Structures are given as C-alpha cells and as structure tokens.
C-alpha cells in the first residue's frame, strides 16, 4: 500500500469525503477518527488522541440506530 495525502490539493478522495463540508486539516491521521453510518454518511469526527474505547457509546448508538 502506498502513502496518500490527507490534506492539500492532492487529498485522497476518501479523506475529502470524510472531511466533508466542515473541512479542516487533519493534524495527525493516526489520531483522527471518523464515525460513519452503515449507509456511508459521515456523522462525527474525533480529533486528538482519544482511545477507541472512549468512543464506545457513540459507536453503539450508531449501530443501534
């Protein structure tokens, strides 16, 4: 797998979609998480070094929706 751009003019299409209308640069792509519905709608972006376990309530709510 090759490296992709997450910011700038060569941003990968998947990151363009995930950043959506809100946009904003991704500071560190290993720390940024996105919550996406089963049908592909981007709901929330989590920036920073949050542990995945701390997002459990949000993830469960989306899965049960």
PDB file of N, CA and C in Angstrom:
ATOM      1  N   UNK A   1       0.842  -1.171   0.000  1.00  0.00           N
ATOM      2  CA  UNK A   1       0.000   0.000   0.000  1.00  0.00           C
ATOM      3  C   UNK A   1       0.893   1.242   0.000  1.00  0.00           C
ATOM      4  N   UNK A   2       0.513   2.224  -0.764  1.00  0.00           N
ATOM      5  CA  UNK A   2       1.316   3.444  -0.843  1.00  0.00           C
ATOM      6  C   UNK A   2       0.726   4.541   0.042  1.00  0.00           C
ATOM      7  N   UNK A   3       1.534   5.528   0.313  1.00  0.00           N
ATOM      8  CA  UNK A   3       1.134   6.674   1.122  1.00  0.00           C
ATOM      9  C   UNK A   3       0.127   7.526   0.348  1.00  0.00           C
ATOM     10  N   UNK A   4      -0.839   8.086   1.070  1.00  0.00           N
ATOM     11  CA  UNK A   4      -1.801   9.008   0.457  1.00  0.00           C
ATOM     12  C   UNK A   4      -1.763  10.331   1.211  1.00  0.00           C
ATOM     13  N   UNK A   5      -2.235  11.381   0.555  1.00  0.00           N
ATOM     14  CA  UNK A   5      -2.325  12.691   1.205  1.00  0.00           C
ATOM     15  C   UNK A   5      -3.672  12.829   1.890  1.00  0.00           C
ATOM     16  N   UNK A   6      -3.642  13.395   3.095  1.00  0.00           N
ATOM     17  CA  UNK A   6      -4.885  13.633   3.829  1.00  0.00           C
ATOM     18  C   UNK A   6      -5.255  15.115   3.845  1.00  0.00           C
ATOM     19  N   UNK A   7      -4.357  15.963   3.390  1.00  0.00           N
ATOM     20  CA  UNK A   7      -4.579  17.408   3.316  1.00  0.00           C
ATOM     21  C   UNK A   7      -3.996  17.941   2.016  1.00  0.00           C
ATOM     22  N   UNK A   8      -4.401  19.138   1.651  1.00  0.00           N
ATOM     23  CA  UNK A   8      -3.821  19.814   0.498  1.00  0.00           C
ATOM     24  C   UNK A   8      -4.475  19.454  -0.821  1.00  0.00           C
ATOM     25  N   UNK A   9      -3.891  19.929  -1.911  1.00  0.00           N
ATOM     26  CA  UNK A   9      -4.506  19.761  -3.236  1.00  0.00           C
ATOM     27  C   UNK A   9      -4.565  18.317  -3.719  1.00  0.00           C
ATOM     28  N   UNK A  10      -3.726  17.452  -3.176  1.00  0.00           N
ATOM     29  CA  UNK A  10      -3.720  16.041  -3.588  1.00  0.00           C
ATOM     30  C   UNK A  10      -4.410  15.134  -2.581  1.00  0.00           C
ATOM     31  N   UNK A  11      -5.308  15.690  -1.781  1.00  0.00           N
ATOM     32  CA  UNK A  11      -6.000  14.904  -0.763  1.00  0.00           C
ATOM     33  C   UNK A  11      -6.709  13.714  -1.399  1.00  0.00           C
ATOM     34  N   UNK A  12      -6.548  12.565  -0.762  1.00  0.00           N
ATOM     35  CA  UNK A  12      -7.213  11.343  -1.209  1.00  0.00           C
ATOM     36  C   UNK A  12      -8.736  11.543  -1.204  1.00  0.00           C
ATOM     37  N   UNK A  13      -9.452  10.983  -2.185  1.00  0.00           N
ATOM     38  CA  UNK A  13     -10.912  11.130  -2.227  1.00  0.00           C
ATOM     39  C   UNK A  13     -11.616  10.672  -0.945  1.00  0.00           C
ATOM     40  N   UNK A  14     -11.111   9.637  -0.306  1.00  0.00           N
ATOM     41  CA  UNK A  14     -11.768   9.170   0.919  1.00  0.00           C
ATOM     42  C   UNK A  14     -11.653  10.221   2.024  1.00  0.00           C
ATOM     43  N   UNK A  15     -10.512  10.903   2.110  1.00  0.00           N
ATOM     44  CA  UNK A  15     -10.378  11.945   3.126  1.00  0.00           C
ATOM     45  C   UNK A  15     -11.159  13.198   2.748  1.00  0.00           C
ATOM     46  N   UNK A  16     -11.293  13.502   1.473  1.00  0.00           N
ATOM     47  CA  UNK A  16     -12.158  14.616   1.055  1.00  0.00           C
ATOM     48  C   UNK A  16     -13.584  14.345   1.513  1.00  0.00           C
ATOM     49  N   UNK A  17     -14.049  13.095   1.309  1.00  0.00           N
ATOM     50  CA  UNK A  17     -15.393  12.717   1.743  1.00  0.00           C
ATOM     51  C   UNK A  17     -15.519  12.828   3.255  1.00  0.00           C
ATOM     52  N   UNK A  18     -14.568  12.264   3.987  1.00  0.00           N
ATOM     53  CA  UNK A  18     -14.657  12.251   5.442  1.00  0.00           C
ATOM     54  C   UNK A  18     -14.597  13.649   6.041  1.00  0.00           C
ATOM     55  N   UNK A  19     -13.782  14.519   5.466  1.00  0.00           N
ATOM     56  CA  UNK A  19     -13.710  15.889   5.978  1.00  0.00           C
ATOM     57  C   UNK A  19     -14.956  16.676   5.602  1.00  0.00           C
ATOM     58  N   UNK A  20     -15.592  16.295   4.506  1.00  0.00           N
ATOM     59  CA  UNK A  20     -16.870  16.866   4.095  1.00  0.00           C
ATOM     60  C   UNK A  20     -16.919  18.376   4.080  1.00  0.00           C
ATOM     61  N   UNK A  21     -18.105  18.887   4.349  1.00  0.00           N
ATOM     62  CA  UNK A  21     -18.341  20.328   4.310  1.00  0.00           C
ATOM     63  C   UNK A  21     -17.584  21.064   5.407  1.00  0.00           C
ATOM     64  N   UNK A  22     -17.380  20.404   6.545  1.00  0.00           N
ATOM     65  CA  UNK A  22     -16.686  21.049   7.657  1.00  0.00           C
ATOM     66  C   UNK A  22     -15.219  21.260   7.345  1.00  0.00           C
ATOM     67  N   UNK A  23     -14.667  20.367   6.533  1.00  0.00           N
ATOM     68  CA  UNK A  23     -13.275  20.511   6.123  1.00  0.00           C
ATOM     69  C   UNK A  23     -12.324  20.539   7.297  1.00  0.00           C
ATOM     70  N   UNK A  24     -11.338  21.351   7.174  1.00  0.00           N
ATOM     71  CA  UNK A  24     -10.335  21.455   8.229  1.00  0.00           C
ATOM     72  C   UNK A  24      -9.258  20.404   8.050  1.00  0.00           C
ATOM     73  N   UNK A  25      -8.027  20.838   8.162  1.00  0.00           N
ATOM     74  CA  UNK A  25      -6.918  19.914   8.003  1.00  0.00           C
ATOM     75  C   UNK A  25      -6.910  18.855   9.100  1.00  0.00           C
ATOM     76  N   UNK A  26      -6.413  17.714   8.739  1.00  0.00           N
ATOM     77  CA  UNK A  26      -6.193  16.646   9.701  1.00  0.00           C
ATOM     78  C   UNK A  26      -4.773  16.835  10.207  1.00  0.00           C
ATOM     79  N   UNK A  27      -4.657  17.015  11.506  1.00  0.00           N
ATOM     80  CA  UNK A  27      -3.357  17.287  12.101  1.00  0.00           C
ATOM     81  C   UNK A  27      -2.485  16.026  12.080  1.00  0.00           C
ATOM     82  N   UNK A  28      -3.071  14.923  12.500  1.00  0.00           N
ATOM     83  CA  UNK A  28      -2.330  13.658  12.528  1.00  0.00           C
ATOM     84  C   UNK A  28      -3.309  12.551  12.201  1.00  0.00           C
ATOM     85  N   UNK A  29      -3.187  11.946  11.026  1.00  0.00           N
ATOM     86  CA  UNK A  29      -4.201  10.997  10.569  1.00  0.00           C
ATOM     87  C   UNK A  29      -4.277   9.740  11.413  1.00  0.00           C
ATOM     88  N   UNK A  30      -3.259   9.424  12.200  1.00  0.00           N
ATOM     89  CA  UNK A  30      -3.335   8.253  13.074  1.00  0.00           C
ATOM     90  C   UNK A  30      -4.161   8.535  14.319  1.00  0.00           C
ATOM     91  N   UNK A  31      -4.411   9.803  14.625  1.00  0.00           N
ATOM     92  CA  UNK A  31      -5.168  10.165  15.816  1.00  0.00           C
ATOM     93  C   UNK A  31      -6.589  10.611  15.490  1.00  0.00           C
ATOM     94  N   UNK A  32      -6.877  10.914  14.245  1.00  0.00           N
ATOM     95  CA  UNK A  32      -8.205  11.369  13.847  1.00  0.00           C
ATOM     96  C   UNK A  32      -9.067  10.161  13.516  1.00  0.00           C
ATOM     97  N   UNK A  33     -10.262  10.137  14.105  1.00  0.00           N
ATOM     98  CA  UNK A  33     -11.196   9.040  13.865  1.00  0.00           C
ATOM     99  C   UNK A  33     -12.497   9.606  13.326  1.00  0.00           C
ATOM    100  N   UNK A  34     -13.162   8.844  12.474  1.00  0.00           N
ATOM    101  CA  UNK A  34     -14.423   9.261  11.883  1.00  0.00           C
ATOM    102  C   UNK A  34     -15.476   8.216  12.186  1.00  0.00           C
ATOM    103  N   UNK A  35     -16.677   8.661  12.555  1.00  0.00           N
ATOM    104  CA  UNK A  35     -17.790   7.752  12.790  1.00  0.00           C
ATOM    105  C   UNK A  35     -18.731   7.866  11.596  1.00  0.00           C
ATOM    106  N   UNK A  36     -18.920   6.738  10.915  1.00  0.00           N
ATOM    107  CA  UNK A  36     -19.693   6.679   9.677  1.00  0.00           C
ATOM    108  C   UNK A  36     -20.851   5.705   9.877  1.00  0.00           C
ATOM    109  N   UNK A  37     -22.036   6.057   9.373  1.00  0.00           N
ATOM    110  CA  UNK A  37     -23.198   5.176   9.496  1.00  0.00           C
ATOM    111  C   UNK A  37     -23.052   3.958   8.583  1.00  0.00           C
ATOM    112  N   UNK A  38     -23.951   3.002   8.788  1.00  0.00           N
ATOM    113  CA  UNK A  38     -23.954   1.787   7.968  1.00  0.00           C
ATOM    114  C   UNK A  38     -24.123   2.107   6.487  1.00  0.00           C
ATOM    115  N   UNK A  39     -24.839   3.191   6.183  1.00  0.00           N
ATOM    116  CA  UNK A  39     -25.068   3.540   4.785  1.00  0.00           C
ATOM    117  C   UNK A  39     -24.088   4.596   4.260  1.00  0.00           C
ATOM    118  N   UNK A  40     -23.005   4.836   4.997  1.00  0.00           N
ATOM    119  CA  UNK A  40     -21.923   5.667   4.487  1.00  0.00           C
ATOM    120  C   UNK A  40     -22.002   7.149   4.776  1.00  0.00           C
ATOM    121  N   UNK A  41     -22.904   7.592   5.645  1.00  0.00           N
ATOM    122  CA  UNK A  41     -22.988   9.010   5.987  1.00  0.00           C
ATOM    123  C   UNK A  41     -21.997   9.304   7.122  1.00  0.00           C
ATOM    124  N   UNK A  42     -21.143  10.312   6.926  1.00  0.00           N
ATOM    125  CA  UNK A  42     -20.197  10.689   7.950  1.00  0.00           C
ATOM    126  C   UNK A  42     -20.918  11.492   9.029  1.00  0.00           C
ATOM    127  N   UNK A  43     -20.840  11.015  10.264  1.00  0.00           N
ATOM    128  CA  UNK A  43     -21.542  11.677  11.363  1.00  0.00           C
ATOM    129  C   UNK A  43     -20.657  12.593  12.194  1.00  0.00           C
ATOM    130  N   UNK A  44     -19.532  12.068  12.620  1.00  0.00           N
ATOM    131  CA  UNK A  44     -18.723  12.781  13.595  1.00  0.00           C
ATOM    132  C   UNK A  44     -17.248  12.561  13.321  1.00  0.00           C
ATOM    133  N   UNK A  45     -16.489  13.560  13.648  1.00  0.00           N
ATOM    134  CA  UNK A  45     -15.032  13.464  13.571  1.00  0.00           C
ATOM    135  C   UNK A  45     -14.470  13.657  14.967  1.00  0.00           C
ATOM    136  N   UNK A  46     -13.585  12.764  15.357  1.00  0.00           N
ATOM    137  CA  UNK A  46     -12.933  12.847  16.653  1.00  0.00           C
ATOM    138  C   UNK A  46     -11.467  13.148  16.418  1.00  0.00           C
ATOM    139  N   UNK A  47     -11.016  14.320  16.872  1.00  0.00           N
ATOM    140  CA  UNK A  47      -9.613  14.693  16.743  1.00  0.00           C
ATOM    141  C   UNK A  47      -8.910  14.445  18.061  1.00  0.00           C
ATOM    142  N   UNK A  48      -7.647  14.213  17.990  1.00  0.00           N
ATOM    143  CA  UNK A  48      -6.858  14.030  19.200  1.00  0.00           C
ATOM    144  C   UNK A  48      -6.618  12.566  19.514  1.00  0.00           C
ATOM    145  N   UNK A  49      -5.975  12.354  20.604  1.00  0.00           N
ATOM    146  CA  UNK A  49      -5.532  11.015  20.983  1.00  0.00           C
ATOM    147  C   UNK A  49      -6.552  10.283  21.852  1.00  0.00           C
ATOM    148  N   UNK A  50      -7.817  10.315  21.474  1.00  0.00           N
ATOM    149  CA  UNK A  50      -8.831   9.590  22.235  1.00  0.00           C
ATOM    150  C   UNK A  50      -8.651   8.093  22.015  1.00  0.00           C
ATOM    151  N   UNK A  51      -8.767   7.356  23.090  1.00  0.00           N
ATOM    152  CA  UNK A  51      -8.710   5.896  22.979  1.00  0.00           C
ATOM    153  C   UNK A  51      -9.985   5.412  22.296  1.00  0.00           C
ATOM    154  N   UNK A  52      -9.879   4.440  21.417  1.00  0.00           N
ATOM    155  CA  UNK A  52     -11.083   3.928  20.749  1.00  0.00           C
ATOM    156  C   UNK A  52     -12.173   3.506  21.744  1.00  0.00           C
ATOM    157  N   UNK A  53     -11.767   2.991  22.892  1.00  0.00           N
ATOM    158  CA  UNK A  53     -12.734   2.563  23.903  1.00  0.00           C
ATOM    159  C   UNK A  53     -13.596   3.716  24.406  1.00  0.00           C
ATOM    160  N   UNK A  54     -13.059   4.929  24.375  1.00  0.00           N
ATOM    161  CA  UNK A  54     -13.816   6.088  24.854  1.00  0.00           C
ATOM    162  C   UNK A  54     -14.940   6.475  23.894  1.00  0.00           C
ATOM    163  N   UNK A  55     -14.935   5.903  22.698  1.00  0.00           N
ATOM    164  CA  UNK A  55     -15.953   6.204  21.695  1.00  0.00           C
ATOM    165  C   UNK A  55     -17.058   5.153  21.658  1.00  0.00           C
ATOM    166  N   UNK A  56     -16.971   4.193  22.555  1.00  0.00           N
ATOM    167  CA  UNK A  56     -17.890   3.052  22.523  1.00  0.00           C
ATOM    168  C   UNK A  56     -19.356   3.470  22.537  1.00  0.00           C
ATOM    169  N   UNK A  57     -19.750   4.380  23.402  1.00  0.00           N
ATOM    170  CA  UNK A  57     -21.165   4.787  23.481  1.00  0.00           C
ATOM    171  C   UNK A  57     -21.642   5.362  22.153  1.00  0.00           C
ATOM    172  N   UNK A  58     -20.817   6.191  21.529  1.00  0.00           N
ATOM    173  CA  UNK A  58     -21.174   6.774  20.230  1.00  0.00           C
ATOM    174  C   UNK A  58     -21.310   5.687  19.162  1.00  0.00           C
ATOM    175  N   UNK A  59     -20.379   4.749  19.157  1.00  0.00           N
ATOM    176  CA  UNK A  59     -20.407   3.670  18.147  1.00  0.00           C
ATOM    177  C   UNK A  59     -21.622   2.787  18.336  1.00  0.00           C
ATOM    178  N   UNK A  60     -21.916   2.410  19.563  1.00  0.00           N
ATOM    179  CA  UNK A  60     -23.075   1.555  19.860  1.00  0.00           C
ATOM    180  C   UNK A  60     -24.368   2.264  19.457  1.00  0.00           C
ATOM    181  N   UNK A  61     -24.464   3.563  19.723  1.00  0.00           N
ATOM    182  CA  UNK A  61     -25.667   4.324  19.364  1.00  0.00           C
ATOM    183  C   UNK A  61     -25.895   4.286  17.853  1.00  0.00           C
ATOM    184  N   UNK A  62     -24.824   4.437  17.079  1.00  0.00           N
ATOM    185  CA  UNK A  62     -24.948   4.414  15.611  1.00  0.00           C
ATOM    186  C   UNK A  62     -25.330   3.009  15.131  1.00  0.00           C
ATOM    187  N   UNK A  63     -24.732   1.993  15.723  1.00  0.00           N
ATOM    188  CA  UNK A  63     -25.051   0.617  15.318  1.00  0.00           C
ATOM    189  C   UNK A  63     -26.495   0.246  15.634  1.00  0.00           C
ATOM    190  N   UNK A  64     -27.032   0.815  16.694  1.00  0.00           N
ATOM    191  CA  UNK A  64     -28.407   0.508  17.101  1.00  0.00           C
ATOM    192  C   UNK A  64     -29.444   1.396  16.425  1.00  0.00           C
ATOM    193  N   UNK A  65     -28.999   2.385  15.681  1.00  0.00           N
ATOM    194  CA  UNK A  65     -29.927   3.313  15.027  1.00  0.00           C
ATOM    195  C   UNK A  65     -30.604   2.664  13.828  1.00  0.00           C
TER     196      UNK A  65
END
